[in-house]
Every structure is written in structure tokens, then in C-alpha cells.
Amino acid sequence: MPTTHAITDPRYARQLVLRGFGPAAQTSLHDARVLVIGVGGLGSPAASYLAAAGVGTITLVDTDVVDLTNLHRQLLYTTPDVGRPKLAVARERLQAINPHVVVQTHDTRLTAANARALVDGHDVVIDATDNFPARYALNEACLALRVPFVYGSVARFDGQVSVFAGANGSTPGPCYRCLFPVMPEPGTVPTCAEEGVLGVVPGIIGLLQATEAIKLIAGIGTPLVGQLLLVDLLSHDHQRITVARRLDCPACGDAPLLTPSPMSIQHLSAVEVAALLAGADAPTIIDVREPWEYDIAHLPVSTSIPLNTLPTRAPELDPAHSYALLCHHGMRSEMAANWLLQHGFTRLINIDGGIDAWSTDVDTTVPRY
């Protein structure tokens, strides 16, 4: 079968015979720099196929470790990798697939404060994020730097794919806010962690994201700019919905309304927050998990405010006080912190790794689940 492996390896030079995808396209891949935000269910297959295709530089952004409960949908990792940083394992696997690929890593979460710096210098971004604040921050950064990003989202048996902040010929394409102008209220949209997903679904959506990135880089086919592809894996029903660029879009419209916020959220480890609790100006820990999760395991010093009740419970809180947000792994708490930031709270901490990290690094008597 014809292959498009790294053009730098002469063993594969004579096999670059795929009609419509010759040496020029392969050279474009070799010279390309692709940023993958999140190396989980979507990022794992996307990064694997980009490395196999011969993309020259792949930059990975993630903070998580390999978890046994994720292996059904993250085939870049195996059981012996459990507990290891995803970035370290992903680099090994990708370079085993293609030793010529340069793999760069950033052990951080993408936020409004660092999004532009992470995106800068890349040709395409794979949006494999799992939370809305990161996705909106990525949208604004890609717009500012004129870098297209390939959006992917999954839940249960369904997935979505599109290309935002790109161009349809010479005409600017829509951005993510053209489709979803306002970030959803906390708790109104279930996360993949809350709702679950059939393991093969992110694999298929991640492959489609890799395909779109290759098309954008190589200049082939028709990328999904201005098109939202909806995939139902139970029925294998595929639909494409037209997404038009909105002239009144707050991010990319004729009169953009968004301005950078001078405030940001601190991202601290469980150990760092535990040390703060001993100080005079200790933060209040707000646990945003569901009540049943709180019943299984919680910190005695924490206050339970489930994510979906935050808009109604926020008046109970003092905007001038310091709050540390806690959930299972750090994703829902980041959504809560971003919502509070947008509503006048200025001293916010996200406990990265959540109560899972707390039970491992601070207090082993706290049950894990």
C-alpha cells in the first residue's frame, strides 16, 4: 500500500505515489508544526496519525497522568503506563511511530493567559480540549494569530468536527463563537467525564481531526471551514450543517467586543494549596462535584457547591475572598473558576488534579474513586 511516511527517510521515497498527494504535499507535512491541546481520547489518535503521516513537529499540551479508567478510549497508552505522565508516554510512542518527528511538550493547561503563547508559531491546532474555558481561550488566540484550529467534541455515541478561525478561499471562515457565542453556564452541558463516551467514538473523531489538519497543511480537498460535521455512531448517520460567519460575532465580527481580562486564575497543585491552608489568609475550598461524589470522599475543610448550582449559590460568596476550586481531576473546577472570574471574583485558584491528586499527594486517608 502507498504510504506517506517521513520524507526524510529514503526507504519510503519511492512509495510516495498516492495520486493527488505527492512529494510537494509530503514536504508541506514535514515542514509543518501542529499543536495538539490535550492528549486524551481525541488527542491520542490525532497525534498518532499526524506522526505517522510525517508531520515534522508536533507540540503536545497536557497535565494529566495515564489513568486505568481512560484506556478504553486512549490507545496511545497501555496498562503498564498507568500513573506515568501522559506527555512522557506520548512522546515515546509518537517517536516510535516516526523517529523523525520532533515532539515538544508543555506540562500546563491552556488558559486565557497562556493560549496565545502556546499557539504562536504553529500552522494548525488540534482542539482536543475537554472544557469550555480552554476552548474559548483557544478560539480567541487562534483568531489573533490567524491560525486555524480543528474542533472536535464527543459525548456518549456522538461526535462533532469542524474547522474554525480558518479561511474559505480568500474569505474568513467562522470562529467557534459564531456557532456558540456565549460560554454555557456551569453544569448546563454535561462533560464527557460525567456523561460517558463509547471508547471508539473519540478514536473516530480524532482521526477526522487529523484528516482535516492534513488537508489544511497539504492544501488538498475541502476542509470543514464553515461546516459542522455531526456523527452518530449508533446509526452511522452523518450530517453536515452550514456555519456562517456572523458579522455581529463578539470575537471575529465587524466590531469585536471581547477584550483581554487582566485577571487570571492560579493553577496550583494539591500540595501547594494544602500549604496555603496553614496561612493566615487561607483560601476557602469549594468542592463543585456532585453530592454523591462528595459523599464518597471529601475534604472536611471544603464547602460543597455542585457545579450546576453555582449561579444560584454564588451570592453566598464574597467576591473579595480567596477561593480554591476542587473537583475530581481539575476540569469541572476550572469551569467553575472561569465562571466566577467572569462574575467579579478576583482571587481564584484551581486545584489541578482535584481530589484524586489530594488523596495521592496530601492525605492518603481520603478515598479514591
Protein backbone atom coordinates (compact mmCIF):
# COMPACT_ATOMS: atom_id res chain seq x y z
CA MET A 1 0.00 0.00 0.00
CA PRO A 2 1.24 3.54 -0.66
CA THR A 3 2.41 5.38 2.38
CA THR A 4 3.13 8.97 3.31
CA HIS A 5 5.76 8.30 5.97
CA ALA A 6 8.51 10.81 6.71
CA ILE A 7 10.01 12.15 3.52
CA THR A 8 13.40 12.37 5.24
CA ASP A 9 13.67 8.56 5.23
CA PRO A 10 14.92 7.45 1.77
CA ARG A 11 13.46 3.95 2.26
CA TYR A 12 10.00 5.41 1.67
CA ALA A 13 10.81 7.84 -1.15
CA ARG A 14 9.68 5.52 -3.95
CA GLN A 15 6.38 4.79 -2.21
CA LEU A 16 5.12 8.37 -2.33
CA VAL A 17 2.78 7.57 -5.21
CA LEU A 18 -0.65 8.41 -3.76
CA ARG A 19 -2.40 10.19 -6.60
CA GLY A 20 -3.12 13.78 -5.65
CA PHE A 21 -0.72 13.62 -2.72
CA GLY A 22 2.83 13.67 -3.96
CA PRO A 23 6.22 14.86 -2.72
CA ALA A 24 5.12 18.50 -2.50
CA ALA A 25 2.31 17.63 -0.10
CA GLN A 26 4.63 15.42 1.92
CA THR A 27 7.17 18.22 2.12
CA SER A 28 4.48 20.52 3.45
CA LEU A 29 3.74 17.99 6.18
CA HIS A 30 7.42 17.63 7.00
CA ASP A 31 7.75 21.40 7.40
CA ALA A 32 4.54 21.80 9.40
CA ARG A 33 4.13 22.50 13.09
CA VAL A 34 0.92 21.19 14.69
CA LEU A 35 -0.22 21.97 18.22
CA VAL A 36 -2.35 19.32 19.97
CA ILE A 37 -4.18 20.63 23.04
CA GLY A 38 -4.90 17.60 25.19
CA VAL A 39 -3.53 14.09 24.64
CA GLY A 40 -6.59 12.14 25.77
CA GLY A 41 -9.36 10.49 23.81
CA LEU A 42 -9.19 12.89 20.84
CA GLY A 43 -5.55 13.90 21.02
CA SER A 44 -4.22 10.33 21.17
CA PRO A 45 -5.45 9.17 17.73
CA ALA A 46 -4.95 12.59 16.15
CA ALA A 47 -1.33 12.85 17.26
CA SER A 48 -0.61 9.23 16.30
CA TYR A 49 -1.81 9.67 12.72
CA LEU A 50 -0.11 13.04 12.34
CA ALA A 51 3.19 11.48 13.39
CA ALA A 52 2.66 8.56 11.01
CA ALA A 53 1.79 10.95 8.19
CA GLY A 54 5.13 12.71 8.54
CA VAL A 55 4.28 15.99 10.29
CA GLY A 56 7.64 17.49 11.21
CA THR A 57 6.87 19.00 14.61
CA ILE A 58 4.07 18.08 16.99
CA THR A 59 3.59 20.07 20.18
CA LEU A 60 1.60 18.44 22.97
CA VAL A 61 -0.10 20.24 25.87
CA ASP A 62 -1.40 18.26 28.83
CA THR A 63 -1.00 17.89 32.60
CA ASP A 64 -2.60 14.52 33.31
CA VAL A 65 -1.19 11.12 34.11
CA VAL A 66 -2.31 7.88 32.48
CA ASP A 67 -5.39 6.54 34.26
CA LEU A 68 -6.67 2.98 34.05
CA THR A 69 -10.26 4.15 33.51
CA ASN A 70 -9.24 6.05 30.35
CA LEU A 71 -7.51 3.23 28.48
CA HIS A 72 -10.65 2.18 26.60
CA ARG A 73 -10.51 5.44 24.64
CA GLN A 74 -6.83 6.48 24.81
CA LEU A 75 -4.98 3.79 22.85
CA LEU A 76 -1.74 5.74 22.85
CA TYR A 77 -1.26 4.33 26.36
CA THR A 78 -1.17 0.84 27.87
CA THR A 79 -1.75 -0.68 31.30
CA PRO A 80 1.94 -0.55 32.33
CA ASP A 81 1.84 3.22 31.69
CA VAL A 82 -0.76 3.88 34.42
CA GLY A 83 0.47 6.62 36.75
CA ARG A 84 3.05 7.98 34.27
CA PRO A 85 2.72 11.49 32.79
CA LYS A 86 0.85 11.36 29.51
CA LEU A 87 3.34 13.71 27.88
CA ALA A 88 6.29 11.41 28.57
CA VAL A 89 4.47 8.32 27.29
CA ALA A 90 3.06 10.15 24.25
CA ARG A 91 6.49 11.40 23.22
CA GLU A 92 7.89 7.86 23.38
CA ARG A 93 5.02 6.39 21.37
CA LEU A 94 4.99 9.08 18.68
CA GLN A 95 8.73 8.86 18.15
CA ALA A 96 8.43 5.08 17.99
CA ILE A 97 5.86 5.54 15.22
CA ASN A 98 8.08 8.02 13.39
CA PRO A 99 11.59 8.66 14.77
CA HIS A 100 11.91 11.75 12.56
CA VAL A 101 9.10 13.69 14.21
CA VAL A 102 10.10 16.40 16.68
CA VAL A 103 7.81 16.16 19.73
CA GLN A 104 7.65 19.19 22.00
CA THR A 105 5.71 19.13 25.27
CA HIS A 106 4.19 21.65 27.66
CA ASP A 107 3.10 20.39 31.08
CA THR A 108 0.43 23.04 31.55
CA ARG A 109 -3.24 23.75 30.99
CA LEU A 110 -4.24 26.07 28.19
CA THR A 111 -5.81 29.20 29.67
CA ALA A 112 -6.66 32.69 28.53
CA ALA A 113 -3.32 33.80 29.98
CA ASN A 114 -1.09 31.41 28.00
CA ALA A 115 -3.17 30.48 24.94
CA ARG A 116 -1.56 32.94 22.55
CA ALA A 117 1.98 31.97 23.56
CA LEU A 118 1.20 28.27 23.04
CA VAL A 119 -0.47 28.77 19.65
CA ASP A 120 2.19 31.15 18.30
CA GLY A 121 4.48 29.57 15.69
CA HIS A 122 2.16 26.71 14.72
CA ASP A 123 0.40 26.14 11.41
CA VAL A 124 -2.64 24.23 12.69
CA VAL A 125 -4.09 23.48 16.12
CA ILE A 126 -5.94 20.31 17.10
CA ASP A 127 -8.58 21.20 19.66
CA ALA A 128 -8.68 18.09 21.84
CA THR A 129 -9.67 20.02 24.95
CA ASP A 130 -12.28 18.82 27.41
CA ASN A 131 -13.60 22.06 28.87
CA PHE A 132 -15.25 25.19 27.59
CA PRO A 133 -12.93 27.85 29.09
CA ALA A 134 -9.95 26.36 27.28
CA ARG A 135 -11.87 26.12 24.00
CA TYR A 136 -12.99 29.75 24.11
CA ALA A 137 -9.47 30.89 25.03
CA LEU A 138 -8.09 28.83 22.13
CA ASN A 139 -10.60 30.41 19.75
CA GLU A 140 -9.52 33.94 20.66
CA ALA A 141 -5.81 33.07 20.40
CA CYS A 142 -6.20 31.41 17.00
CA LEU A 143 -8.16 34.38 15.69
CA ALA A 144 -5.50 36.82 16.87
CA LEU A 145 -2.68 34.80 15.28
CA ARG A 146 -4.63 33.70 12.18
CA VAL A 147 -4.06 30.02 12.91
CA PRO A 148 -6.90 27.59 12.04
CA PHE A 149 -7.95 25.09 14.65
CA VAL A 150 -9.67 21.76 14.10
CA TYR A 151 -12.50 21.41 16.60
CA GLY A 152 -13.62 18.06 17.92
CA SER A 153 -16.14 17.11 20.57
CA VAL A 154 -17.62 13.80 21.77
CA ALA A 155 -20.31 12.56 24.13
CA ARG A 156 -21.84 9.13 24.54
CA PHE A 157 -22.17 7.82 20.95
CA ASP A 158 -21.89 11.12 19.06
CA GLY A 159 -19.17 13.43 17.82
CA GLN A 160 -18.65 16.76 16.07
CA VAL A 161 -15.87 18.10 13.86
CA SER A 162 -15.26 21.48 12.23
CA VAL A 163 -12.50 23.92 11.32
CA PHE A 164 -12.67 27.34 12.97
CA ALA A 165 -10.64 30.54 12.57
CA GLY A 166 -9.69 29.35 9.11
CA ALA A 167 -10.35 30.77 5.66
CA ASN A 168 -12.72 29.59 2.97
CA GLY A 169 -10.64 30.63 0.00
CA SER A 170 -9.92 34.33 0.48
CA THR A 171 -12.95 34.79 2.76
CA PRO A 172 -12.51 34.46 6.54
CA GLY A 173 -14.35 31.48 7.90
CA PRO A 174 -16.44 31.44 11.07
CA CYS A 175 -14.93 31.10 14.52
CA TYR A 176 -16.14 28.99 17.42
CA ARG A 177 -18.11 31.92 18.86
CA CYS A 178 -20.01 32.27 15.59
CA LEU A 179 -21.55 28.91 16.46
CA PHE A 180 -21.57 29.23 20.25
CA PRO A 181 -21.41 32.98 21.09
CA VAL A 182 -21.64 32.60 24.87
CA MET A 183 -19.91 30.13 27.14
CA PRO A 184 -22.51 27.81 28.71
CA GLU A 185 -23.43 28.29 32.36
CA PRO A 186 -21.67 25.80 34.66
CA GLY A 187 -23.42 22.46 34.80
CA THR A 188 -25.73 23.08 31.84
CA VAL A 189 -23.71 20.92 29.45
CA PRO A 190 -22.55 17.54 30.83
CA THR A 191 -18.86 16.81 30.36
CA CYS A 192 -17.57 13.61 28.79
CA ALA A 193 -16.39 12.55 32.26
CA GLU A 194 -19.92 12.99 33.61
CA GLU A 195 -21.91 11.56 30.69
CA GLY A 196 -19.51 8.91 29.44
CA VAL A 197 -18.48 8.02 25.91
CA LEU A 198 -18.16 4.81 23.92
CA GLY A 199 -14.42 4.27 23.56
CA VAL A 200 -14.35 4.12 19.76
CA VAL A 201 -16.14 7.48 19.36
CA PRO A 202 -13.20 9.75 20.26
CA GLY A 203 -10.98 7.49 18.19
CA ILE A 204 -13.06 8.15 15.07
CA ILE A 205 -13.44 11.88 15.76
CA GLY A 206 -9.71 12.19 16.47
CA LEU A 207 -8.96 10.54 13.12
CA LEU A 208 -11.26 13.00 11.38
CA GLN A 209 -9.44 15.86 13.12
CA ALA A 210 -6.09 14.52 11.90
CA THR A 211 -7.54 14.28 8.39
CA GLU A 212 -8.65 17.92 8.48
CA ALA A 213 -5.23 19.03 9.71
CA ILE A 214 -3.51 17.14 6.88
CA LYS A 215 -5.87 18.70 4.32
CA LEU A 216 -5.17 22.19 5.66
CA ILE A 217 -1.40 21.67 5.65
CA ALA A 218 -1.16 19.98 2.28
CA GLY A 219 -3.74 22.17 0.57
CA ILE A 220 -5.87 19.26 -0.61
CA GLY A 221 -9.58 18.59 -0.58
CA THR A 222 -12.17 20.83 1.05
CA PRO A 223 -11.62 21.38 4.77
CA LEU A 224 -14.64 21.71 7.04
CA VAL A 225 -14.45 25.50 7.15
CA GLY A 226 -17.99 26.76 7.65
CA GLN A 227 -19.26 23.20 8.05
CA LEU A 228 -20.08 21.32 11.25
CA LEU A 229 -19.94 17.56 10.76
CA LEU A 230 -22.22 15.62 13.13
CA VAL A 231 -21.54 11.91 13.53
CA ASP A 232 -23.92 9.44 15.20
CA LEU A 233 -22.04 6.19 15.65
CA LEU A 234 -25.11 4.21 16.71
CA SER A 235 -26.79 4.73 13.35
CA HIS A 236 -23.71 5.77 11.36
CA ASP A 237 -25.66 8.84 10.38
CA HIS A 238 -23.50 11.75 9.21
CA GLN A 239 -24.85 15.27 8.76
CA ARG A 240 -23.18 18.50 7.72
CA ILE A 241 -24.56 21.80 8.95
CA THR A 242 -23.51 25.11 7.44
CA VAL A 243 -21.98 27.54 9.94
CA ALA A 244 -21.85 31.10 8.66
CA ARG A 245 -19.51 33.78 9.91
CA ARG A 246 -21.56 36.21 11.97
CA LEU A 247 -20.99 39.91 11.39
CA ASP A 248 -22.06 40.53 15.00
CA CYS A 249 -19.79 37.83 16.44
CA PRO A 250 -18.17 39.14 19.66
CA ALA A 251 -14.83 37.61 18.64
CA CYS A 252 -14.49 37.88 14.84
CA GLY A 253 -17.35 40.18 13.78
CA ASP A 254 -17.08 43.63 12.26
CA ALA A 255 -16.99 45.21 15.72
CA PRO A 256 -15.43 42.69 18.14
CA LEU A 257 -16.49 43.18 21.74
CA LEU A 258 -14.05 40.93 23.54
CA THR A 259 -11.13 42.49 25.39
CA PRO A 260 -8.43 40.62 27.28
CA SER A 261 -9.07 40.34 31.01
CA PRO A 262 -6.22 41.50 33.27
CA MET A 263 -7.31 38.92 35.86
CA SER A 264 -6.40 35.25 35.70
CA ILE A 265 -6.82 32.03 37.66
CA GLN A 266 -3.97 30.50 39.62
CA HIS A 267 -3.29 26.85 38.89
CA LEU A 268 -1.81 25.18 41.96
CA SER A 269 -1.15 21.59 42.92
CA ALA A 270 -2.88 19.91 45.84
CA VAL A 271 0.37 20.14 47.83
CA GLU A 272 0.62 23.89 47.22
CA VAL A 273 -2.98 24.51 48.25
CA ALA A 274 -2.55 22.37 51.37
CA ALA A 275 0.37 24.61 52.37
CA LEU A 276 -1.79 27.71 51.85
CA LEU A 277 -4.41 26.37 54.28
CA ALA A 278 -1.94 26.79 57.14
CA GLY A 279 -1.52 30.52 56.43
CA ALA A 280 -3.39 33.50 57.83
CA ASP A 281 -5.10 34.25 54.50
CA ALA A 282 -6.14 30.70 53.71
CA PRO A 283 -8.50 30.19 50.76
CA THR A 284 -11.90 28.57 51.19
CA ILE A 285 -12.11 25.29 49.30
CA ILE A 286 -15.24 24.99 47.16
CA ASP A 287 -15.98 21.43 46.04
CA VAL A 288 -18.00 21.56 42.80
CA ARG A 289 -18.56 17.81 42.39
CA GLU A 290 -21.96 16.16 42.58
CA PRO A 291 -23.40 15.38 46.06
CA TRP A 292 -22.93 11.63 45.58
CA GLU A 293 -19.24 12.19 44.82
CA TYR A 294 -18.90 14.42 47.87
CA ASP A 295 -20.42 11.64 49.98
CA ILE A 296 -17.81 9.15 48.74
CA ALA A 297 -14.83 11.37 49.56
CA HIS A 298 -14.38 14.99 50.56
CA LEU A 299 -12.09 17.30 52.48
CA PRO A 300 -13.51 18.25 55.91
CA VAL A 301 -12.50 21.88 55.29
CA SER A 302 -14.37 22.09 51.98
CA THR A 303 -17.77 23.55 51.14
CA SER A 304 -19.97 21.64 48.71
CA ILE A 305 -21.39 23.75 45.88
CA PRO A 306 -22.13 21.45 42.89
CA LEU A 307 -21.22 22.99 39.56
CA ASN A 308 -24.79 23.21 38.28
CA THR A 309 -25.85 25.18 41.39
CA LEU A 310 -23.02 27.72 41.21
CA PRO A 311 -25.04 30.52 39.51
CA THR A 312 -27.66 30.40 42.27
CA ARG A 313 -25.22 29.85 45.14
CA ALA A 314 -22.65 32.47 44.09
CA PRO A 315 -24.41 35.29 46.05
CA GLU A 316 -23.44 33.41 49.22
CA LEU A 317 -19.77 34.01 48.42
CA ASP A 318 -17.63 37.12 48.97
CA PRO A 319 -16.04 38.28 45.67
CA ALA A 320 -13.07 39.73 47.61
CA HIS A 321 -12.27 36.44 49.36
CA SER A 322 -9.86 33.78 48.09
CA TYR A 323 -11.40 30.53 46.84
CA ALA A 324 -9.77 27.27 45.76
CA LEU A 325 -11.98 25.21 43.44
CA LEU A 326 -11.91 21.43 43.69
CA CYS A 327 -13.43 18.58 41.65
CA HIS A 328 -12.39 15.04 40.74
CA HIS A 329 -9.49 15.78 38.40
CA GLY A 330 -9.50 19.56 37.92
CA MET A 331 -11.71 20.07 34.85
CA ARG A 332 -15.07 20.99 36.36
CA SER A 333 -13.32 23.17 38.94
CA GLU A 334 -11.65 25.11 36.13
CA MET A 335 -15.05 25.74 34.56
CA ALA A 336 -16.33 26.99 37.92
CA ALA A 337 -13.29 29.24 38.42
CA ASN A 338 -13.72 30.77 34.97
CA TRP A 339 -17.40 31.46 35.63
CA LEU A 340 -16.59 33.14 38.93
CA LEU A 341 -13.86 35.18 37.23
CA GLN A 342 -16.39 36.48 34.73
CA HIS A 343 -18.72 37.44 37.58
CA GLY A 344 -16.44 39.66 39.63
CA PHE A 345 -14.38 37.20 41.70
CA THR A 346 -10.69 38.02 41.54
CA ARG A 347 -8.83 35.63 43.87
CA LEU A 348 -9.35 32.20 42.39
CA ILE A 349 -7.31 29.01 42.49
CA ASN A 350 -7.89 25.85 40.51
CA ILE A 351 -6.62 22.76 42.34
CA ASP A 352 -5.00 20.86 39.48
CA GLY A 353 -5.53 17.12 39.71
CA GLY A 354 -8.54 17.60 42.01
CA ILE A 355 -9.34 15.38 44.95
CA ASP A 356 -7.66 12.49 43.14
CA ALA A 357 -4.32 14.31 43.46
CA TRP A 358 -5.13 15.32 47.03
CA SER A 359 -5.64 11.68 48.04
CA THR A 360 -2.32 10.74 46.44
CA ASP A 361 -0.06 13.66 47.35
CA VAL A 362 -1.53 15.21 50.53
CA ASP A 363 -3.77 12.85 52.51
CA THR A 364 -3.87 9.16 51.62
CA THR A 365 -6.80 8.60 54.00
CA VAL A 366 -9.05 10.41 51.52
CA PRO A 367 -10.66 7.62 49.43
CA ARG A 368 -10.04 7.44 45.70
CA TYR A 369 -12.87 6.55 43.33
